[in-house]
Amino acid sequence: MRTATVPPPRTPRMGRGWYLAAVLSAVLAVGMCLLGWRQADQADRIAAHPVRTEGVVTQLPTGGGTYSAVSYRAGGQPRTAAALPLSDHVKVGDAVCLEHAADDPNAVRICGDTYPQPVGVGLARFSVPVAVVLFVICVLRIRRHHKALAVRSGQGKLAANIALATGALADGMPAITHGKRSRRKRRAGGRRAQH
């Protein structure tokens, strides 16, 4: 009689999208944290030793990926600040009040503002929690997939052992004992002969 063969269980496949989403969400969370930290650091340095200066608007945002630009002088050198939040009625050539840090003339903001680029801080406050939640969901899904694979591989081994035992019983016990009778039966038979 032929021994029963059990086909190996199908392992569930998981797309690479979960891994890619986990990596991208982690990168997004770290990047936005760095952006928020940089803005907060510049705001603290400006607030510690603010130096007021006057800047001139040289470019306005047009909505096509261009940012505002304000030129100013600090430390005896001309500098340019980009992406500052300007009011709607400002035109090119208008004067703007700026504050920069005494130890870092490149850390500059509009007078009265808290952060150099408040939009970046708002974006970081919104996107970091979303990215962290997405990362946690992806990691939990990946872990669940790996646990399911471990369980299925354990079930496959159990099924193979059951199939082997079933085949051995179908062919008779000699397949398990290699044709030898058990010692208990021999001893029992020997004792009966003595009595």
N, C-alpha and C. Protein backbone atom coordinates (compact mmCIF):
# COMPACT_ATOMS: atom_id res chain seq x y z
N MET A 1 0.84 -1.17 0.00
CA MET A 1 0.00 0.00 0.00
C MET A 1 0.89 1.24 0.00
N ARG A 2 0.50 2.25 -0.74
CA ARG A 2 1.32 3.46 -0.84
C ARG A 2 1.07 4.36 0.36
N THR A 3 2.12 5.01 0.81
CA THR A 3 1.98 5.94 1.93
C THR A 3 1.32 7.22 1.43
N ALA A 4 0.54 7.81 2.32
CA ALA A 4 -0.17 9.03 1.96
C ALA A 4 0.80 10.20 1.95
N THR A 5 0.69 11.01 0.95
CA THR A 5 1.51 12.22 0.90
C THR A 5 0.61 13.43 1.06
N VAL A 6 1.05 14.31 1.88
CA VAL A 6 0.29 15.53 2.15
C VAL A 6 0.97 16.66 1.42
N PRO A 7 0.26 17.38 0.57
CA PRO A 7 0.90 18.51 -0.12
C PRO A 7 1.26 19.58 0.91
N PRO A 8 2.36 20.25 0.71
CA PRO A 8 2.74 21.30 1.67
C PRO A 8 1.70 22.41 1.67
N PRO A 9 1.41 22.95 2.87
CA PRO A 9 0.39 24.01 2.93
C PRO A 9 0.86 25.25 2.18
N ARG A 10 -0.10 25.90 1.57
CA ARG A 10 0.24 27.12 0.83
C ARG A 10 0.57 28.23 1.80
N THR A 11 1.71 28.83 1.61
CA THR A 11 2.10 29.94 2.47
C THR A 11 1.50 31.23 1.92
N PRO A 12 0.88 32.01 2.81
CA PRO A 12 0.30 33.25 2.32
C PRO A 12 1.39 34.23 1.91
N ARG A 13 1.17 34.89 0.81
CA ARG A 13 2.15 35.86 0.32
C ARG A 13 1.72 37.25 0.73
N MET A 14 2.71 38.06 1.03
CA MET A 14 2.43 39.44 1.38
C MET A 14 3.18 40.32 0.41
N GLY A 15 2.49 41.29 -0.13
CA GLY A 15 3.11 42.18 -1.10
C GLY A 15 4.20 43.04 -0.48
N ARG A 16 5.08 43.51 -1.33
CA ARG A 16 6.17 44.36 -0.85
C ARG A 16 5.68 45.75 -0.46
N GLY A 17 4.44 46.05 -0.78
CA GLY A 17 3.89 47.36 -0.47
C GLY A 17 3.88 47.66 1.01
N TRP A 18 3.67 46.63 1.84
CA TRP A 18 3.68 46.85 3.30
C TRP A 18 5.06 47.26 3.77
N TYR A 19 6.09 46.58 3.25
CA TYR A 19 7.45 46.94 3.63
C TYR A 19 7.81 48.34 3.13
N LEU A 20 7.42 48.62 1.89
CA LEU A 20 7.70 49.94 1.32
C LEU A 20 6.98 51.04 2.09
N ALA A 21 5.73 50.79 2.45
CA ALA A 21 4.96 51.79 3.21
C ALA A 21 5.58 52.01 4.59
N ALA A 22 6.08 50.94 5.21
CA ALA A 22 6.72 51.08 6.53
C ALA A 22 7.97 51.94 6.43
N VAL A 23 8.79 51.68 5.41
CA VAL A 23 10.02 52.45 5.24
C VAL A 23 9.72 53.92 4.93
N LEU A 24 8.79 54.15 4.00
CA LEU A 24 8.46 55.52 3.62
C LEU A 24 7.84 56.30 4.76
N SER A 25 6.97 55.65 5.54
CA SER A 25 6.36 56.36 6.67
C SER A 25 7.40 56.68 7.73
N ALA A 26 8.37 55.78 7.94
CA ALA A 26 9.44 56.08 8.90
C ALA A 26 10.30 57.24 8.41
N VAL A 27 10.62 57.25 7.12
CA VAL A 27 11.42 58.35 6.56
C VAL A 27 10.66 59.66 6.66
N LEU A 28 9.36 59.62 6.37
CA LEU A 28 8.55 60.84 6.46
C LEU A 28 8.49 61.37 7.89
N ALA A 29 8.30 60.46 8.85
CA ALA A 29 8.24 60.88 10.26
C ALA A 29 9.55 61.51 10.70
N VAL A 30 10.67 60.87 10.34
CA VAL A 30 11.98 61.41 10.73
C VAL A 30 12.23 62.74 10.05
N GLY A 31 11.92 62.83 8.75
CA GLY A 31 12.15 64.08 8.02
C GLY A 31 11.33 65.23 8.56
N MET A 32 10.06 64.97 8.86
CA MET A 32 9.21 66.03 9.39
C MET A 32 9.62 66.43 10.81
N CYS A 33 10.09 65.44 11.59
CA CYS A 33 10.62 65.77 12.93
C CYS A 33 11.84 66.69 12.82
N LEU A 34 12.71 66.39 11.88
CA LEU A 34 13.89 67.24 11.69
C LEU A 34 13.49 68.63 11.23
N LEU A 35 12.50 68.72 10.33
CA LEU A 35 12.04 70.03 9.86
C LEU A 35 11.46 70.84 11.02
N GLY A 36 10.60 70.21 11.82
CA GLY A 36 10.02 70.91 12.97
C GLY A 36 11.07 71.31 13.99
N TRP A 37 12.02 70.40 14.22
CA TRP A 37 13.09 70.72 15.18
C TRP A 37 13.94 71.89 14.69
N ARG A 38 14.25 71.92 13.39
CA ARG A 38 15.06 73.01 12.84
C ARG A 38 14.35 74.35 12.99
N GLN A 39 13.04 74.36 12.70
CA GLN A 39 12.28 75.60 12.85
C GLN A 39 12.24 76.06 14.31
N ALA A 40 12.01 75.12 15.22
CA ALA A 40 11.97 75.47 16.64
C ALA A 40 13.33 75.94 17.12
N ASP A 41 14.41 75.30 16.65
CA ASP A 41 15.76 75.69 17.04
C ASP A 41 16.07 77.11 16.55
N GLN A 42 15.74 77.41 15.31
CA GLN A 42 15.97 78.76 14.78
C GLN A 42 15.14 79.79 15.54
N ALA A 43 13.89 79.45 15.86
CA ALA A 43 13.04 80.39 16.60
C ALA A 43 13.63 80.67 17.99
N ASP A 44 14.17 79.65 18.66
CA ASP A 44 14.79 79.84 19.98
C ASP A 44 16.04 80.71 19.89
N ARG A 45 16.84 80.48 18.85
CA ARG A 45 18.06 81.27 18.71
C ARG A 45 17.77 82.72 18.38
N ILE A 46 16.73 82.96 17.58
CA ILE A 46 16.36 84.34 17.28
C ILE A 46 15.81 85.01 18.54
N ALA A 47 14.96 84.29 19.28
CA ALA A 47 14.35 84.87 20.49
C ALA A 47 15.40 85.14 21.57
N ALA A 48 16.48 84.36 21.60
CA ALA A 48 17.51 84.56 22.63
C ALA A 48 18.23 85.89 22.42
N HIS A 49 18.63 86.22 21.19
CA HIS A 49 19.35 87.47 20.88
C HIS A 49 18.87 87.98 19.53
N PRO A 50 17.68 88.62 19.49
CA PRO A 50 17.17 89.10 18.19
C PRO A 50 17.87 90.38 17.75
N VAL A 51 18.13 90.44 16.45
CA VAL A 51 18.70 91.65 15.84
C VAL A 51 17.74 92.07 14.74
N ARG A 52 17.20 93.29 14.85
CA ARG A 52 16.24 93.78 13.85
C ARG A 52 16.98 94.40 12.68
N THR A 53 16.44 94.12 11.52
CA THR A 53 16.99 94.71 10.29
C THR A 53 15.85 94.89 9.30
N GLU A 54 16.14 95.60 8.23
CA GLU A 54 15.11 95.82 7.21
C GLU A 54 15.47 95.03 5.96
N GLY A 55 14.49 94.34 5.43
CA GLY A 55 14.68 93.59 4.20
C GLY A 55 13.84 94.15 3.08
N VAL A 56 14.16 93.77 1.86
CA VAL A 56 13.42 94.22 0.68
C VAL A 56 12.90 92.99 -0.06
N VAL A 57 11.62 92.99 -0.40
CA VAL A 57 11.02 91.86 -1.11
C VAL A 57 11.54 91.87 -2.54
N THR A 58 12.17 90.76 -2.93
CA THR A 58 12.71 90.66 -4.29
C THR A 58 11.91 89.69 -5.17
N GLN A 59 11.11 88.85 -4.54
CA GLN A 59 10.32 87.87 -5.31
C GLN A 59 9.09 87.50 -4.51
N LEU A 60 7.98 87.32 -5.20
CA LEU A 60 6.73 86.89 -4.57
C LEU A 60 6.38 85.48 -5.05
N PRO A 61 5.71 84.71 -4.20
CA PRO A 61 5.30 83.37 -4.65
C PRO A 61 4.23 83.48 -5.72
N THR A 62 4.39 82.68 -6.76
CA THR A 62 3.43 82.72 -7.87
C THR A 62 2.53 81.49 -7.89
N GLY A 63 2.76 80.54 -7.02
CA GLY A 63 1.94 79.34 -6.99
C GLY A 63 2.47 78.23 -7.87
N GLY A 64 3.49 78.50 -8.66
CA GLY A 64 4.05 77.49 -9.55
C GLY A 64 5.32 76.88 -8.99
N GLY A 65 5.41 76.78 -7.69
CA GLY A 65 6.60 76.19 -7.07
C GLY A 65 7.65 77.21 -6.69
N THR A 66 7.39 78.50 -6.92
CA THR A 66 8.35 79.54 -6.52
C THR A 66 7.96 80.09 -5.16
N TYR A 67 8.94 80.47 -4.39
CA TYR A 67 8.73 80.99 -3.05
C TYR A 67 9.05 82.47 -3.02
N SER A 68 8.65 83.09 -1.93
CA SER A 68 9.01 84.50 -1.73
C SER A 68 10.49 84.60 -1.40
N ALA A 69 11.07 85.73 -1.72
CA ALA A 69 12.48 85.98 -1.41
C ALA A 69 12.60 87.40 -0.88
N VAL A 70 13.34 87.54 0.20
CA VAL A 70 13.58 88.85 0.82
C VAL A 70 15.08 89.00 1.00
N SER A 71 15.64 90.07 0.45
CA SER A 71 17.08 90.32 0.62
C SER A 71 17.28 91.27 1.80
N TYR A 72 18.36 91.06 2.55
CA TYR A 72 18.69 91.88 3.71
C TYR A 72 20.19 91.83 3.93
N ARG A 73 20.68 92.71 4.76
CA ARG A 73 22.10 92.74 5.12
C ARG A 73 22.25 92.35 6.57
N ALA A 74 23.18 91.45 6.83
CA ALA A 74 23.47 91.03 8.21
C ALA A 74 24.94 90.66 8.27
N GLY A 75 25.61 91.13 9.29
CA GLY A 75 27.04 90.87 9.43
C GLY A 75 27.85 91.50 8.32
N GLY A 76 27.35 92.57 7.75
CA GLY A 76 28.06 93.27 6.68
C GLY A 76 27.98 92.59 5.33
N GLN A 77 27.15 91.57 5.20
CA GLN A 77 27.05 90.85 3.93
C GLN A 77 25.59 90.80 3.47
N PRO A 78 25.37 90.85 2.16
CA PRO A 78 23.99 90.70 1.66
C PRO A 78 23.55 89.23 1.76
N ARG A 79 22.32 89.04 2.17
CA ARG A 79 21.77 87.69 2.34
C ARG A 79 20.36 87.66 1.77
N THR A 80 19.85 86.46 1.57
CA THR A 80 18.49 86.28 1.05
C THR A 80 17.77 85.24 1.90
N ALA A 81 16.57 85.58 2.31
CA ALA A 81 15.71 84.64 3.03
C ALA A 81 14.59 84.21 2.11
N ALA A 82 14.37 82.90 2.03
CA ALA A 82 13.34 82.36 1.14
C ALA A 82 12.18 81.80 1.94
N ALA A 83 11.01 81.81 1.31
CA ALA A 83 9.79 81.18 1.84
C ALA A 83 9.34 81.78 3.15
N LEU A 84 9.56 83.08 3.35
CA LEU A 84 9.03 83.74 4.53
C LEU A 84 7.55 84.03 4.31
N PRO A 85 6.73 83.95 5.35
CA PRO A 85 5.30 84.22 5.18
C PRO A 85 5.02 85.72 5.06
N LEU A 86 4.83 86.18 3.87
CA LEU A 86 4.57 87.60 3.63
C LEU A 86 3.06 87.85 3.57
N SER A 87 2.67 89.06 3.90
CA SER A 87 1.24 89.40 3.83
C SER A 87 0.81 89.51 2.37
N ASP A 88 -0.49 89.48 2.14
CA ASP A 88 -1.03 89.45 0.78
C ASP A 88 -0.83 90.77 0.02
N HIS A 89 -0.78 91.88 0.74
CA HIS A 89 -0.69 93.17 0.05
C HIS A 89 0.74 93.62 -0.24
N VAL A 90 1.74 92.79 0.08
CA VAL A 90 3.14 93.15 -0.16
C VAL A 90 3.46 93.03 -1.65
N LYS A 91 4.26 93.97 -2.14
CA LYS A 91 4.69 93.94 -3.55
C LYS A 91 6.21 93.87 -3.61
N VAL A 92 6.73 93.50 -4.76
CA VAL A 92 8.19 93.47 -4.96
C VAL A 92 8.75 94.88 -4.76
N GLY A 93 9.80 95.00 -3.97
CA GLY A 93 10.43 96.28 -3.67
C GLY A 93 9.99 96.88 -2.35
N ASP A 94 8.94 96.28 -1.72
CA ASP A 94 8.49 96.80 -0.42
C ASP A 94 9.49 96.42 0.67
N ALA A 95 9.57 97.27 1.69
CA ALA A 95 10.44 97.00 2.85
C ALA A 95 9.69 96.13 3.85
N VAL A 96 10.42 95.22 4.45
CA VAL A 96 9.85 94.28 5.42
C VAL A 96 10.74 94.26 6.66
N CYS A 97 10.12 94.28 7.85
CA CYS A 97 10.88 94.20 9.10
C CYS A 97 11.26 92.74 9.36
N LEU A 98 12.55 92.50 9.60
CA LEU A 98 13.06 91.15 9.85
C LEU A 98 13.80 91.11 11.19
N GLU A 99 13.84 89.91 11.77
CA GLU A 99 14.66 89.65 12.96
C GLU A 99 15.55 88.45 12.64
N HIS A 100 16.83 88.57 12.96
CA HIS A 100 17.71 87.41 12.79
C HIS A 100 18.47 87.18 14.09
N ALA A 101 19.00 85.98 14.24
CA ALA A 101 19.76 85.64 15.44
C ALA A 101 21.11 86.32 15.39
N ALA A 102 21.58 86.78 16.55
CA ALA A 102 22.87 87.48 16.60
C ALA A 102 24.01 86.54 16.24
N ASP A 103 23.90 85.28 16.61
CA ASP A 103 24.98 84.33 16.33
C ASP A 103 24.82 83.61 15.00
N ASP A 104 23.67 83.76 14.34
CA ASP A 104 23.44 83.11 13.05
C ASP A 104 22.57 84.01 12.19
N PRO A 105 23.17 84.83 11.32
CA PRO A 105 22.38 85.75 10.49
C PRO A 105 21.45 85.05 9.50
N ASN A 106 21.67 83.76 9.25
CA ASN A 106 20.79 83.03 8.33
C ASN A 106 19.49 82.60 9.00
N ALA A 107 19.44 82.58 10.33
CA ALA A 107 18.21 82.27 11.06
C ALA A 107 17.40 83.56 11.14
N VAL A 108 16.44 83.72 10.25
CA VAL A 108 15.71 84.98 10.12
C VAL A 108 14.21 84.71 10.04
N ARG A 109 13.44 85.66 10.57
CA ARG A 109 11.99 85.56 10.53
C ARG A 109 11.39 86.96 10.38
N ILE A 110 10.12 87.01 10.03
CA ILE A 110 9.39 88.27 9.97
C ILE A 110 9.19 88.77 11.41
N CYS A 111 9.33 90.07 11.62
CA CYS A 111 9.13 90.62 12.97
C CYS A 111 7.74 90.27 13.48
N GLY A 112 7.70 89.77 14.70
CA GLY A 112 6.42 89.41 15.32
C GLY A 112 6.03 87.95 15.13
N ASP A 113 6.64 87.25 14.20
CA ASP A 113 6.35 85.82 14.00
C ASP A 113 7.13 84.99 15.01
N THR A 114 6.65 83.78 15.28
CA THR A 114 7.35 82.87 16.18
C THR A 114 8.38 82.05 15.43
N TYR A 115 7.98 81.50 14.29
CA TYR A 115 8.86 80.63 13.53
C TYR A 115 9.24 81.28 12.21
N PRO A 116 10.42 80.95 11.69
CA PRO A 116 10.80 81.47 10.38
C PRO A 116 9.84 81.05 9.28
N GLN A 117 9.40 79.78 9.33
CA GLN A 117 8.47 79.25 8.32
C GLN A 117 7.36 78.49 9.06
N PRO A 118 6.33 79.18 9.49
CA PRO A 118 5.27 78.52 10.27
C PRO A 118 4.58 77.38 9.52
N VAL A 119 4.57 77.45 8.19
CA VAL A 119 3.92 76.38 7.42
C VAL A 119 4.64 75.05 7.66
N GLY A 120 5.96 75.09 7.73
CA GLY A 120 6.73 73.86 7.98
C GLY A 120 6.42 73.26 9.33
N VAL A 121 6.24 74.11 10.34
CA VAL A 121 5.91 73.61 11.67
C VAL A 121 4.52 73.00 11.68
N GLY A 122 3.56 73.67 11.03
CA GLY A 122 2.21 73.12 10.95
C GLY A 122 2.18 71.80 10.20
N LEU A 123 2.95 71.72 9.13
CA LEU A 123 3.04 70.47 8.36
C LEU A 123 3.64 69.35 9.20
N ALA A 124 4.66 69.67 9.97
CA ALA A 124 5.28 68.66 10.83
C ALA A 124 4.32 68.20 11.92
N ARG A 125 3.57 69.12 12.51
CA ARG A 125 2.61 68.75 13.56
C ARG A 125 1.53 67.82 13.04
N PHE A 126 1.16 67.99 11.78
CA PHE A 126 0.12 67.14 11.21
C PHE A 126 0.68 65.82 10.69
N SER A 127 1.80 65.88 9.97
CA SER A 127 2.27 64.69 9.25
C SER A 127 3.02 63.70 10.13
N VAL A 128 3.68 64.16 11.19
CA VAL A 128 4.44 63.21 12.03
C VAL A 128 3.50 62.20 12.70
N PRO A 129 2.40 62.62 13.36
CA PRO A 129 1.51 61.60 13.95
C PRO A 129 0.92 60.66 12.91
N VAL A 130 0.55 61.20 11.74
CA VAL A 130 -0.01 60.34 10.69
C VAL A 130 1.02 59.32 10.23
N ALA A 131 2.27 59.75 10.03
CA ALA A 131 3.33 58.84 9.59
C ALA A 131 3.63 57.79 10.65
N VAL A 132 3.61 58.18 11.92
CA VAL A 132 3.89 57.22 13.00
C VAL A 132 2.78 56.17 13.07
N VAL A 133 1.52 56.61 12.96
CA VAL A 133 0.41 55.65 12.98
C VAL A 133 0.50 54.70 11.79
N LEU A 134 0.81 55.22 10.61
CA LEU A 134 0.96 54.36 9.43
C LEU A 134 2.10 53.38 9.60
N PHE A 135 3.21 53.82 10.18
CA PHE A 135 4.35 52.95 10.43
C PHE A 135 3.97 51.82 11.39
N VAL A 136 3.25 52.16 12.46
CA VAL A 136 2.85 51.13 13.44
C VAL A 136 1.91 50.12 12.79
N ILE A 137 0.97 50.59 11.98
CA ILE A 137 0.04 49.67 11.29
C ILE A 137 0.82 48.72 10.38
N CYS A 138 1.77 49.24 9.63
CA CYS A 138 2.57 48.39 8.73
C CYS A 138 3.39 47.37 9.51
N VAL A 139 4.01 47.80 10.60
CA VAL A 139 4.84 46.87 11.39
C VAL A 139 3.97 45.78 12.00
N LEU A 140 2.78 46.14 12.51
CA LEU A 140 1.90 45.12 13.08
C LEU A 140 1.44 44.14 12.01
N ARG A 141 1.15 44.63 10.81
CA ARG A 141 0.73 43.73 9.71
C ARG A 141 1.87 42.80 9.31
N ILE A 142 3.08 43.32 9.25
CA ILE A 142 4.23 42.48 8.89
C ILE A 142 4.48 41.43 9.97
N ARG A 143 4.38 41.82 11.24
CA ARG A 143 4.58 40.85 12.33
C ARG A 143 3.51 39.77 12.29
N ARG A 144 2.25 40.16 12.04
CA ARG A 144 1.18 39.17 11.96
C ARG A 144 1.43 38.19 10.82
N HIS A 145 1.94 38.70 9.71
CA HIS A 145 2.25 37.83 8.57
C HIS A 145 3.35 36.82 8.94
N HIS A 146 4.40 37.28 9.61
CA HIS A 146 5.49 36.38 10.00
C HIS A 146 5.02 35.35 11.02
N LYS A 147 4.13 35.74 11.93
CA LYS A 147 3.59 34.77 12.89
C LYS A 147 2.75 33.72 12.17
N ALA A 148 1.96 34.16 11.19
CA ALA A 148 1.15 33.21 10.42
C ALA A 148 2.03 32.23 9.66
N LEU A 149 3.15 32.71 9.12
CA LEU A 149 4.08 31.81 8.43
C LEU A 149 4.67 30.80 9.40
N ALA A 150 5.02 31.25 10.61
CA ALA A 150 5.58 30.33 11.60
C ALA A 150 4.56 29.27 12.00
N VAL A 151 3.31 29.68 12.19
CA VAL A 151 2.26 28.72 12.56
C VAL A 151 2.03 27.72 11.43
N ARG A 152 1.98 28.23 10.19
CA ARG A 152 1.74 27.33 9.05
C ARG A 152 2.89 26.36 8.85
N SER A 153 4.12 26.79 9.06
CA SER A 153 5.24 25.86 8.91
C SER A 153 5.18 24.79 10.00
N GLY A 154 4.74 25.17 11.21
CA GLY A 154 4.56 24.18 12.28
C GLY A 154 3.45 23.21 11.94
N GLN A 155 2.35 23.68 11.36
CA GLN A 155 1.25 22.80 10.96
C GLN A 155 1.69 21.87 9.84
N GLY A 156 2.55 22.35 8.95
CA GLY A 156 3.05 21.49 7.87
C GLY A 156 3.86 20.33 8.41
N LYS A 157 4.70 20.59 9.42
CA LYS A 157 5.48 19.51 10.03
C LYS A 157 4.57 18.51 10.72
N LEU A 158 3.53 19.01 11.42
CA LEU A 158 2.59 18.13 12.09
C LEU A 158 1.85 17.27 11.09
N ALA A 159 1.42 17.86 9.98
CA ALA A 159 0.71 17.11 8.95
C ALA A 159 1.61 16.04 8.34
N ALA A 160 2.88 16.35 8.15
CA ALA A 160 3.81 15.35 7.60
C ALA A 160 4.00 14.20 8.57
N ASN A 161 4.10 14.48 9.86
CA ASN A 161 4.24 13.41 10.87
C ASN A 161 2.99 12.54 10.93
N ILE A 162 1.82 13.18 10.85
CA ILE A 162 0.57 12.41 10.86
C ILE A 162 0.48 11.53 9.62
N ALA A 163 0.88 12.05 8.48
CA ALA A 163 0.84 11.26 7.25
C ALA A 163 1.80 10.07 7.34
N LEU A 164 2.97 10.27 7.93
CA LEU A 164 3.93 9.19 8.09
C LEU A 164 3.36 8.11 9.01
N ALA A 165 2.77 8.55 10.12
CA ALA A 165 2.20 7.57 11.06
C ALA A 165 1.02 6.84 10.43
N THR A 166 0.19 7.53 9.68
CA THR A 166 -0.96 6.90 9.03
C THR A 166 -0.49 5.88 8.00
N GLY A 167 0.53 6.23 7.23
CA GLY A 167 1.07 5.29 6.25
C GLY A 167 1.69 4.07 6.91
N ALA A 168 2.34 4.30 8.05
CA ALA A 168 2.96 3.17 8.75
C ALA A 168 1.89 2.23 9.29
N LEU A 169 0.81 2.79 9.83
CA LEU A 169 -0.26 1.94 10.35
C LEU A 169 -0.96 1.19 9.22
N ALA A 170 -1.09 1.86 8.07
CA ALA A 170 -1.75 1.18 6.95
C ALA A 170 -0.90 0.02 6.44
N ASP A 171 0.43 0.14 6.47
CA ASP A 171 1.31 -0.94 6.01
C ASP A 171 1.57 -1.96 7.10
N GLY A 172 1.16 -1.68 8.29
CA GLY A 172 1.41 -2.59 9.39
C GLY A 172 2.49 -2.03 10.29
N MET A 173 2.53 -2.51 11.50
CA MET A 173 3.47 -2.01 12.50
C MET A 173 4.93 -2.23 12.14
N PRO A 174 5.29 -3.23 11.36
CA PRO A 174 6.72 -3.40 11.06
C PRO A 174 7.37 -2.17 10.45
N ALA A 175 6.57 -1.32 9.83
CA ALA A 175 7.16 -0.11 9.25
C ALA A 175 7.70 0.81 10.34
N ILE A 176 7.10 0.77 11.51
CA ILE A 176 7.56 1.61 12.61
C ILE A 176 8.63 0.90 13.42
N THR A 177 8.42 -0.41 13.70
CA THR A 177 9.35 -1.14 14.57
C THR A 177 10.43 -1.86 13.79
N HIS A 178 10.45 -1.68 12.48
CA HIS A 178 11.45 -2.31 11.61
C HIS A 178 11.40 -3.84 11.71
N GLY A 179 10.19 -4.40 11.85
CA GLY A 179 10.01 -5.85 11.86
C GLY A 179 10.27 -6.50 13.20
N LYS A 180 10.58 -5.75 14.23
CA LYS A 180 10.86 -6.34 15.54
C LYS A 180 9.62 -6.27 16.40
N ARG A 181 9.39 -7.34 17.12
CA ARG A 181 8.28 -7.33 18.08
C ARG A 181 8.70 -6.56 19.31
N SER A 182 7.73 -6.05 20.02
CA SER A 182 8.08 -5.27 21.21
C SER A 182 8.59 -6.19 22.30
N ARG A 183 9.40 -5.68 23.18
CA ARG A 183 9.99 -6.49 24.27
C ARG A 183 8.94 -6.93 25.27
N ARG A 184 7.91 -6.13 25.48
CA ARG A 184 6.87 -6.50 26.44
C ARG A 184 6.20 -7.80 26.03
N LYS A 185 5.90 -7.91 24.74
CA LYS A 185 5.22 -9.13 24.28
C LYS A 185 6.14 -10.34 24.46
N ARG A 186 7.45 -10.14 24.20
CA ARG A 186 8.37 -11.26 24.38
C ARG A 186 8.44 -11.68 25.83
N ARG A 187 8.56 -10.70 26.72
CA ARG A 187 8.65 -11.03 28.15
C ARG A 187 7.38 -11.71 28.62
N ALA A 188 6.24 -11.16 28.17
CA ALA A 188 4.96 -11.75 28.60
C ALA A 188 4.87 -13.17 28.08
N GLY A 189 5.30 -13.39 26.85
CA GLY A 189 5.25 -14.73 26.29
C GLY A 189 6.20 -15.68 27.03
N GLY A 190 7.35 -15.20 27.44
CA GLY A 190 8.31 -16.03 28.17
C GLY A 190 7.80 -16.39 29.55
N ARG A 191 7.14 -15.45 30.22
CA ARG A 191 6.59 -15.73 31.55
C ARG A 191 5.49 -16.76 31.46
N ARG A 192 4.66 -16.70 30.44
CA ARG A 192 3.59 -17.69 30.30
C ARG A 192 4.17 -19.08 30.12
N ALA A 193 5.27 -19.14 29.37
CA ALA A 193 5.86 -20.46 29.14
C ALA A 193 6.43 -21.04 30.41
N GLN A 194 6.94 -20.16 31.34
CA GLN A 194 7.52 -20.66 32.59
C GLN A 194 6.45 -21.16 33.52
N HIS A 195 5.24 -20.49 33.51
CA HIS A 195 4.16 -20.93 34.41
C HIS A 195 3.53 -22.12 33.77
